[in-house]
Amino acid sequence: MASKKILIIDYGMGNLGSVQMAFKKLGVNISISDNLSELNNSYAYILPGVGAFPQAIANLRNSGIFDVLNEQVISNNKPILGICLGMQLMANYSLEQGKNIGFGWIDGKVTPIKTSNKLHVPHVGWNNLQITTKDLIFNNIDNEAHFFYDQSFRFEASDEKCVIGVCEYGEKIVSVIRKKNILGTQFHPEKSQRNGLKMLRNFLISVDQNYDIREN
């Protein structure tokens, strides 16, 4: 059993059920909620996301989640894992459908992926993960392991020290970012089978050593 509550944040965008199911495969029940009181009282967060950046930010602001989450993550240093769009929301701004301001937790911007005619956008499917910096989130995960991506936009980090993993898709694209308690993956761990479950397990263990997570 967990001694500390981790919450999957519901802001009206994202494959919440798939994320929750992935944790259930690890033997852990994690709640999904948009309740501000629950957000305040949780120890750590999962911020998933599928869709457009502008709508996501609008939903977060209109629901009050933006301000609460900003306080809990920045002022109270609570851990958070952003997935796909959830990672991109951590940037200063996105150029999707104009310029839209994000959380600004990790300096950088979100821009369209540009590739040769041989590579399609959106970038959908399995691709590698090149681990560039040692991190607990990569425990028991091999360098060049494959994860599932679904993206038309990319995170361009201003500080390369925050980039701990990349993939190759015509050029190097940021796959994993870390800044202290803030972690983001451009790929979908919940759709990445065994390697994805390993990564989610590592996140659980990193935020609460009392989680008893065993290999399936």
C-alpha atoms as a PDB file:
ATOM      1  CA  MET A   1       0.000   0.000   0.000  1.00  0.00           C
ATOM      2  CA  ALA A   2       1.077   3.562  -0.588  1.00  0.00           C
ATOM      3  CA  SER A   3       1.575   5.917   2.284  1.00  0.00           C
ATOM      4  CA  LYS A   4       1.315   9.009   0.099  1.00  0.00           C
ATOM      5  CA  LYS A   5      -1.317   9.895  -2.471  1.00  0.00           C
ATOM      6  CA  ILE A   6      -0.374  10.337  -6.124  1.00  0.00           C
ATOM      7  CA  LEU A   7      -3.019  11.868  -8.374  1.00  0.00           C
ATOM      8  CA  ILE A   8      -3.669  11.655 -12.121  1.00  0.00           C
ATOM      9  CA  ILE A   9      -4.865  15.146 -13.041  1.00  0.00           C
ATOM     10  CA  ASP A  10      -8.062  15.399 -15.072  1.00  0.00           C
ATOM     11  CA  TYR A  11      -8.247  18.656 -17.023  1.00  0.00           C
ATOM     12  CA  GLY A  12     -10.428  17.339 -19.800  1.00  0.00           C
ATOM     13  CA  MET A  13      -7.640  16.196 -22.134  1.00  0.00           C
ATOM     14  CA  GLY A  14      -5.678  12.997 -22.136  1.00  0.00           C
ATOM     15  CA  ASN A  15      -5.973   9.245 -22.123  1.00  0.00           C
ATOM     16  CA  LEU A  16      -6.562   9.107 -18.389  1.00  0.00           C
ATOM     17  CA  GLY A  17      -7.962   5.592 -18.365  1.00  0.00           C
ATOM     18  CA  SER A  18      -4.899   4.180 -20.131  1.00  0.00           C
ATOM     19  CA  VAL A  19      -2.581   5.836 -17.625  1.00  0.00           C
ATOM     20  CA  GLN A  20      -4.611   4.562 -14.689  1.00  0.00           C
ATOM     21  CA  MET A  21      -4.705   1.051 -16.180  1.00  0.00           C
ATOM     22  CA  ALA A  22      -0.921   1.013 -16.544  1.00  0.00           C
ATOM     23  CA  PHE A  23      -0.557   1.671 -12.822  1.00  0.00           C
ATOM     24  CA  LYS A  24      -3.111  -1.047 -12.078  1.00  0.00           C
ATOM     25  CA  LYS A  25      -0.848  -3.464 -13.959  1.00  0.00           C
ATOM     26  CA  LEU A  26       1.766  -2.556 -11.367  1.00  0.00           C
ATOM     27  CA  GLY A  27      -0.701  -3.404  -8.619  1.00  0.00           C
ATOM     28  CA  VAL A  28      -1.302   0.223  -7.656  1.00  0.00           C
ATOM     29  CA  ASN A  29      -4.613   2.081  -7.707  1.00  0.00           C
ATOM     30  CA  ILE A  30      -4.136   5.783  -8.465  1.00  0.00           C
ATOM     31  CA  SER A  31      -7.111   8.153  -8.508  1.00  0.00           C
ATOM     32  CA  ILE A  32      -8.106  10.488 -11.336  1.00  0.00           C
ATOM     33  CA  SER A  33      -9.473  13.858 -10.233  1.00  0.00           C
ATOM     34  CA  ASP A  34      -9.961  17.531 -11.049  1.00  0.00           C
ATOM     35  CA  ASN A  35     -10.868  18.374  -7.445  1.00  0.00           C
ATOM     36  CA  LEU A  36      -8.710  21.249  -6.204  1.00  0.00           C
ATOM     37  CA  SER A  37      -8.794  20.012  -2.611  1.00  0.00           C
ATOM     38  CA  GLU A  38      -7.474  16.631  -3.724  1.00  0.00           C
ATOM     39  CA  LEU A  39      -4.739  18.356  -5.705  1.00  0.00           C
ATOM     40  CA  ASN A  40      -3.675  20.318  -2.659  1.00  0.00           C
ATOM     41  CA  ASN A  41      -3.589  17.206  -0.508  1.00  0.00           C
ATOM     42  CA  SER A  42      -1.736  14.929  -2.925  1.00  0.00           C
ATOM     43  CA  TYR A  43       1.965  14.217  -2.610  1.00  0.00           C
ATOM     44  CA  ALA A  44       2.778  13.834  -6.318  1.00  0.00           C
ATOM     45  CA  TYR A  45       1.105  14.139  -9.705  1.00  0.00           C
ATOM     46  CA  ILE A  46       0.763  12.603 -13.148  1.00  0.00           C
ATOM     47  CA  LEU A  47      -0.077  15.180 -15.841  1.00  0.00           C
ATOM     48  CA  PRO A  48      -1.058  13.304 -19.012  1.00  0.00           C
ATOM     49  CA  GLY A  49      -2.175  14.985 -22.191  1.00  0.00           C
ATOM     50  CA  VAL A  50      -3.424  14.372 -25.725  1.00  0.00           C
ATOM     51  CA  GLY A  51      -4.507  17.205 -28.002  1.00  0.00           C
ATOM     52  CA  ALA A  52      -3.699  20.872 -28.594  1.00  0.00           C
ATOM     53  CA  PHE A  53      -1.587  23.023 -26.281  1.00  0.00           C
ATOM     54  CA  PRO A  54      -3.892  26.105 -26.339  1.00  0.00           C
ATOM     55  CA  GLN A  55      -6.969  24.133 -25.294  1.00  0.00           C
ATOM     56  CA  ALA A  56      -5.026  22.333 -22.579  1.00  0.00           C
ATOM     57  CA  ILE A  57      -3.805  25.578 -21.017  1.00  0.00           C
ATOM     58  CA  ALA A  58      -7.291  27.103 -21.260  1.00  0.00           C
ATOM     59  CA  ASN A  59      -8.785  24.091 -19.491  1.00  0.00           C
ATOM     60  CA  LEU A  60      -6.154  24.190 -16.760  1.00  0.00           C
ATOM     61  CA  ARG A  61      -6.675  27.900 -16.147  1.00  0.00           C
ATOM     62  CA  ASN A  62     -10.470  27.846 -16.295  1.00  0.00           C
ATOM     63  CA  SER A  63     -10.664  24.956 -13.840  1.00  0.00           C
ATOM     64  CA  GLY A  64      -8.288  26.581 -11.340  1.00  0.00           C
ATOM     65  CA  ILE A  65      -5.893  23.648 -11.652  1.00  0.00           C
ATOM     66  CA  PHE A  66      -3.161  25.806 -13.226  1.00  0.00           C
ATOM     67  CA  ASP A  67      -2.671  28.004 -10.141  1.00  0.00           C
ATOM     68  CA  VAL A  68      -2.988  25.162  -7.637  1.00  0.00           C
ATOM     69  CA  LEU A  69      -0.567  22.937  -9.501  1.00  0.00           C
ATOM     70  CA  ASN A  70       1.897  25.768  -9.985  1.00  0.00           C
ATOM     71  CA  GLU A  71       1.958  26.412  -6.248  1.00  0.00           C
ATOM     72  CA  GLN A  72       2.267  22.752  -5.291  1.00  0.00           C
ATOM     73  CA  VAL A  73       5.020  21.955  -7.792  1.00  0.00           C
ATOM     74  CA  ILE A  74       7.073  25.150  -7.504  1.00  0.00           C
ATOM     75  CA  SER A  75       6.462  26.415  -3.972  1.00  0.00           C
ATOM     76  CA  ASN A  76       6.003  23.039  -2.266  1.00  0.00           C
ATOM     77  CA  ASN A  77       8.369  21.059  -4.507  1.00  0.00           C
ATOM     78  CA  LYS A  78       5.953  18.181  -5.063  1.00  0.00           C
ATOM     79  CA  PRO A  79       7.002  15.658  -7.727  1.00  0.00           C
ATOM     80  CA  ILE A  80       5.218  15.606 -11.076  1.00  0.00           C
ATOM     81  CA  LEU A  81       5.443  13.455 -14.192  1.00  0.00           C
ATOM     82  CA  GLY A  82       4.195  15.062 -17.409  1.00  0.00           C
ATOM     83  CA  ILE A  83       3.393  12.759 -20.326  1.00  0.00           C
ATOM     84  CA  CYS A  84       3.451  13.884 -23.987  1.00  0.00           C
ATOM     85  CA  LEU A  85       1.387  17.106 -24.060  1.00  0.00           C
ATOM     86  CA  GLY A  86       1.738  17.119 -20.277  1.00  0.00           C
ATOM     87  CA  MET A  87       5.505  17.508 -20.731  1.00  0.00           C
ATOM     88  CA  GLN A  88       5.099  20.257 -23.333  1.00  0.00           C
ATOM     89  CA  LEU A  89       2.884  22.249 -20.964  1.00  0.00           C
ATOM     90  CA  MET A  90       5.936  22.630 -18.720  1.00  0.00           C
ATOM     91  CA  ALA A  91       7.620  24.924 -21.287  1.00  0.00           C
ATOM     92  CA  ASN A  92       7.551  28.721 -21.300  1.00  0.00           C
ATOM     93  CA  TYR A  93       5.369  28.757 -24.385  1.00  0.00           C
ATOM     94  CA  SER A  94       4.176  26.845 -27.443  1.00  0.00           C
ATOM     95  CA  LEU A  95       3.864  27.962 -31.054  1.00  0.00           C
ATOM     96  CA  GLU A  96       0.931  25.638 -31.686  1.00  0.00           C
ATOM     97  CA  GLN A  97      -1.949  27.732 -33.079  1.00  0.00           C
ATOM     98  CA  GLY A  98      -0.100  30.939 -32.241  1.00  0.00           C
ATOM     99  CA  LYS A  99       1.979  31.708 -29.178  1.00  0.00           C
ATOM    100  CA  ASN A 100       0.501  30.281 -25.972  1.00  0.00           C
ATOM    101  CA  ILE A 101       2.047  30.584 -22.515  1.00  0.00           C
ATOM    102  CA  GLY A 102       2.744  27.415 -20.522  1.00  0.00           C
ATOM    103  CA  PHE A 103       3.737  26.751 -16.916  1.00  0.00           C
ATOM    104  CA  GLY A 104       7.318  27.882 -17.531  1.00  0.00           C
ATOM    105  CA  TRP A 105       8.740  25.296 -15.138  1.00  0.00           C
ATOM    106  CA  ILE A 106      11.506  24.331 -17.570  1.00  0.00           C
ATOM    107  CA  ASP A 107      12.881  27.039 -19.840  1.00  0.00           C
ATOM    108  CA  GLY A 108      12.105  26.259 -23.443  1.00  0.00           C
ATOM    109  CA  LYS A 109       9.535  26.398 -26.186  1.00  0.00           C
ATOM    110  CA  VAL A 110       7.339  23.955 -28.085  1.00  0.00           C
ATOM    111  CA  THR A 111       7.721  24.075 -31.859  1.00  0.00           C
ATOM    112  CA  PRO A 112       6.519  21.999 -34.845  1.00  0.00           C
ATOM    113  CA  ILE A 113       8.534  18.949 -35.837  1.00  0.00           C
ATOM    114  CA  LYS A 114      10.203  19.488 -39.195  1.00  0.00           C
ATOM    115  CA  THR A 115      11.575  16.468 -41.045  1.00  0.00           C
ATOM    116  CA  SER A 116      12.454  15.361 -44.552  1.00  0.00           C
ATOM    117  CA  ASN A 117       9.788  14.031 -46.904  1.00  0.00           C
ATOM    118  CA  LYS A 118      10.819  10.500 -45.944  1.00  0.00           C
ATOM    119  CA  LEU A 119       9.530  10.931 -42.376  1.00  0.00           C
ATOM    120  CA  HIS A 120       5.921  11.626 -41.553  1.00  0.00           C
ATOM    121  CA  VAL A 121       4.496  14.131 -39.113  1.00  0.00           C
ATOM    122  CA  PRO A 122       2.878  13.407 -36.760  1.00  0.00           C
ATOM    123  CA  HIS A 123       5.590  11.122 -35.477  1.00  0.00           C
ATOM    124  CA  VAL A 124       3.555   8.088 -34.415  1.00  0.00           C
ATOM    125  CA  GLY A 125       4.987   4.731 -33.431  1.00  0.00           C
ATOM    126  CA  TRP A 126       7.908   3.075 -31.722  1.00  0.00           C
ATOM    127  CA  ASN A 127      11.242   4.834 -31.506  1.00  0.00           C
ATOM    128  CA  ASN A 128      14.400   4.681 -29.484  1.00  0.00           C
ATOM    129  CA  LEU A 129      15.390   6.417 -26.275  1.00  0.00           C
ATOM    130  CA  GLN A 130      18.985   7.570 -26.037  1.00  0.00           C
ATOM    131  CA  ILE A 131      19.789   8.111 -22.368  1.00  0.00           C
ATOM    132  CA  THR A 132      22.046  11.156 -22.092  1.00  0.00           C
ATOM    133  CA  THR A 133      22.129  11.597 -18.307  1.00  0.00           C
ATOM    134  CA  LYS A 134      21.971   9.011 -15.545  1.00  0.00           C
ATOM    135  CA  ASP A 135      18.703   9.272 -13.598  1.00  0.00           C
ATOM    136  CA  LEU A 136      16.674   7.056 -11.272  1.00  0.00           C
ATOM    137  CA  ILE A 137      13.826   7.092 -13.787  1.00  0.00           C
ATOM    138  CA  PHE A 138      15.996   4.940 -16.087  1.00  0.00           C
ATOM    139  CA  ASN A 139      16.698   2.152 -13.584  1.00  0.00           C
ATOM    140  CA  ASN A 140      16.595  -1.252 -15.333  1.00  0.00           C
ATOM    141  CA  ILE A 141      15.947   0.409 -18.711  1.00  0.00           C
ATOM    142  CA  ASP A 142      18.489  -0.190 -21.469  1.00  0.00           C
ATOM    143  CA  ASN A 143      19.918   2.623 -23.534  1.00  0.00           C
ATOM    144  CA  GLU A 144      18.222   2.609 -26.970  1.00  0.00           C
ATOM    145  CA  ALA A 145      15.123   0.919 -25.503  1.00  0.00           C
ATOM    146  CA  HIS A 146      11.981   1.602 -27.527  1.00  0.00           C
ATOM    147  CA  PHE A 147       8.950   3.609 -26.424  1.00  0.00           C
ATOM    148  CA  PHE A 148       5.730   4.692 -28.123  1.00  0.00           C
ATOM    149  CA  TYR A 149       5.592   8.253 -29.481  1.00  0.00           C
ATOM    150  CA  ASP A 150       2.699  10.306 -30.843  1.00  0.00           C
ATOM    151  CA  GLN A 151       3.707  13.914 -31.518  1.00  0.00           C
ATOM    152  CA  SER A 152       3.565  16.723 -34.038  1.00  0.00           C
ATOM    153  CA  PHE A 153       5.394  19.227 -31.809  1.00  0.00           C
ATOM    154  CA  ARG A 154       8.670  19.065 -29.926  1.00  0.00           C
ATOM    155  CA  PHE A 155      10.095  20.564 -26.737  1.00  0.00           C
ATOM    156  CA  GLU A 156      13.174  22.716 -27.357  1.00  0.00           C
ATOM    157  CA  ALA A 157      14.845  23.126 -23.975  1.00  0.00           C
ATOM    158  CA  SER A 158      16.946  26.252 -23.384  1.00  0.00           C
ATOM    159  CA  ASP A 159      19.061  24.465 -20.771  1.00  0.00           C
ATOM    160  CA  GLU A 160      20.551  21.243 -22.114  1.00  0.00           C
ATOM    161  CA  LYS A 161      21.186  20.081 -18.539  1.00  0.00           C
ATOM    162  CA  CYS A 162      17.431  19.490 -18.232  1.00  0.00           C
ATOM    163  CA  VAL A 163      17.471  17.077 -21.189  1.00  0.00           C
ATOM    164  CA  ILE A 164      18.199  13.559 -19.955  1.00  0.00           C
ATOM    165  CA  GLY A 165      16.951  11.544 -22.936  1.00  0.00           C
ATOM    166  CA  VAL A 166      16.475  12.055 -26.671  1.00  0.00           C
ATOM    167  CA  CYS A 167      15.259  10.145 -29.722  1.00  0.00           C
ATOM    168  CA  GLU A 168      16.204  10.262 -33.397  1.00  0.00           C
ATOM    169  CA  TYR A 169      13.536  11.322 -35.885  1.00  0.00           C
ATOM    170  CA  GLY A 170      15.323  13.108 -38.683  1.00  0.00           C
ATOM    171  CA  GLU A 171      17.138  14.966 -35.912  1.00  0.00           C
ATOM    172  CA  LYS A 172      17.502  14.656 -32.163  1.00  0.00           C
ATOM    173  CA  ILE A 173      14.208  15.315 -30.378  1.00  0.00           C
ATOM    174  CA  VAL A 174      13.879  15.719 -26.620  1.00  0.00           C
ATOM    175  CA  SER A 175      12.313  12.605 -25.085  1.00  0.00           C
ATOM    176  CA  VAL A 176      12.814  13.061 -21.336  1.00  0.00           C
ATOM    177  CA  ILE A 177      13.372  16.209 -19.293  1.00  0.00           C
ATOM    178  CA  ARG A 178      14.157  16.617 -15.624  1.00  0.00           C
ATOM    179  CA  LYS A 179      14.508  19.638 -13.352  1.00  0.00           C
ATOM    180  CA  LYS A 180      14.620  18.598  -9.710  1.00  0.00           C
ATOM    181  CA  ASN A 181      11.076  17.430  -8.845  1.00  0.00           C
ATOM    182  CA  ILE A 182       9.774  18.052 -12.379  1.00  0.00           C
ATOM    183  CA  LEU A 183       9.939  15.174 -14.866  1.00  0.00           C
ATOM    184  CA  GLY A 184       8.493  14.862 -18.358  1.00  0.00           C
ATOM    185  CA  THR A 185       8.412  12.231 -21.104  1.00  0.00           C
ATOM    186  CA  GLN A 186       7.512  13.004 -24.700  1.00  0.00           C
ATOM    187  CA  PHE A 187       6.604   9.353 -25.322  1.00  0.00           C
ATOM    188  CA  HIS A 188       3.722   7.508 -23.662  1.00  0.00           C
ATOM    189  CA  PRO A 189       4.964   5.144 -20.923  1.00  0.00           C
ATOM    190  CA  GLU A 190       1.425   3.808 -20.506  1.00  0.00           C
ATOM    191  CA  LYS A 191       1.492   2.601 -24.134  1.00  0.00           C
ATOM    192  CA  SER A 192       5.085   1.372 -24.111  1.00  0.00           C
ATOM    193  CA  GLN A 193       4.532  -2.090 -22.691  1.00  0.00           C
ATOM    194  CA  ARG A 194       7.260  -3.489 -20.449  1.00  0.00           C
ATOM    195  CA  ASN A 195       9.691  -0.572 -20.720  1.00  0.00           C
ATOM    196  CA  GLY A 196       6.892   1.879 -20.006  1.00  0.00           C
ATOM    197  CA  LEU A 197       5.812  -0.035 -16.914  1.00  0.00           C
ATOM    198  CA  LYS A 198       9.414  -0.047 -15.707  1.00  0.00           C
ATOM    199  CA  MET A 199       9.526   3.732 -16.032  1.00  0.00           C
ATOM    200  CA  LEU A 200       6.238   4.240 -14.182  1.00  0.00           C
ATOM    201  CA  ARG A 201       7.479   1.864 -11.495  1.00  0.00           C
ATOM    202  CA  ASN A 202      10.654   3.924 -11.168  1.00  0.00           C
ATOM    203  CA  PHE A 203       8.605   7.100 -10.773  1.00  0.00           C
ATOM    204  CA  LEU A 204       6.510   5.552  -8.014  1.00  0.00           C
ATOM    205  CA  ILE A 205       9.574   4.334  -6.155  1.00  0.00           C
ATOM    206  CA  SER A 206      11.360   7.675  -6.570  1.00  0.00           C
ATOM    207  CA  VAL A 207       8.535   9.636  -4.956  1.00  0.00           C
ATOM    208  CA  ASP A 208       7.678   7.131  -2.245  1.00  0.00           C
ATOM    209  CA  GLN A 209      10.033   4.413  -1.109  1.00  0.00           C
ATOM    210  CA  ASN A 210       7.111   2.729   0.685  1.00  0.00           C
ATOM    211  CA  TYR A 211       5.593   1.603  -2.598  1.00  0.00           C
ATOM    212  CA  ASP A 212       6.065  -2.145  -2.854  1.00  0.00           C
ATOM    213  CA  ILE A 213       6.429  -2.551  -6.622  1.00  0.00           C
ATOM    214  CA  ARG A 214       7.507  -5.946  -7.899  1.00  0.00           C
ATOM    215  CA  GLU A 215       8.334  -7.117 -11.394  1.00  0.00           C
ATOM    216  CA  ASN A 216       5.290  -8.567 -13.182  1.00  0.00           C
END
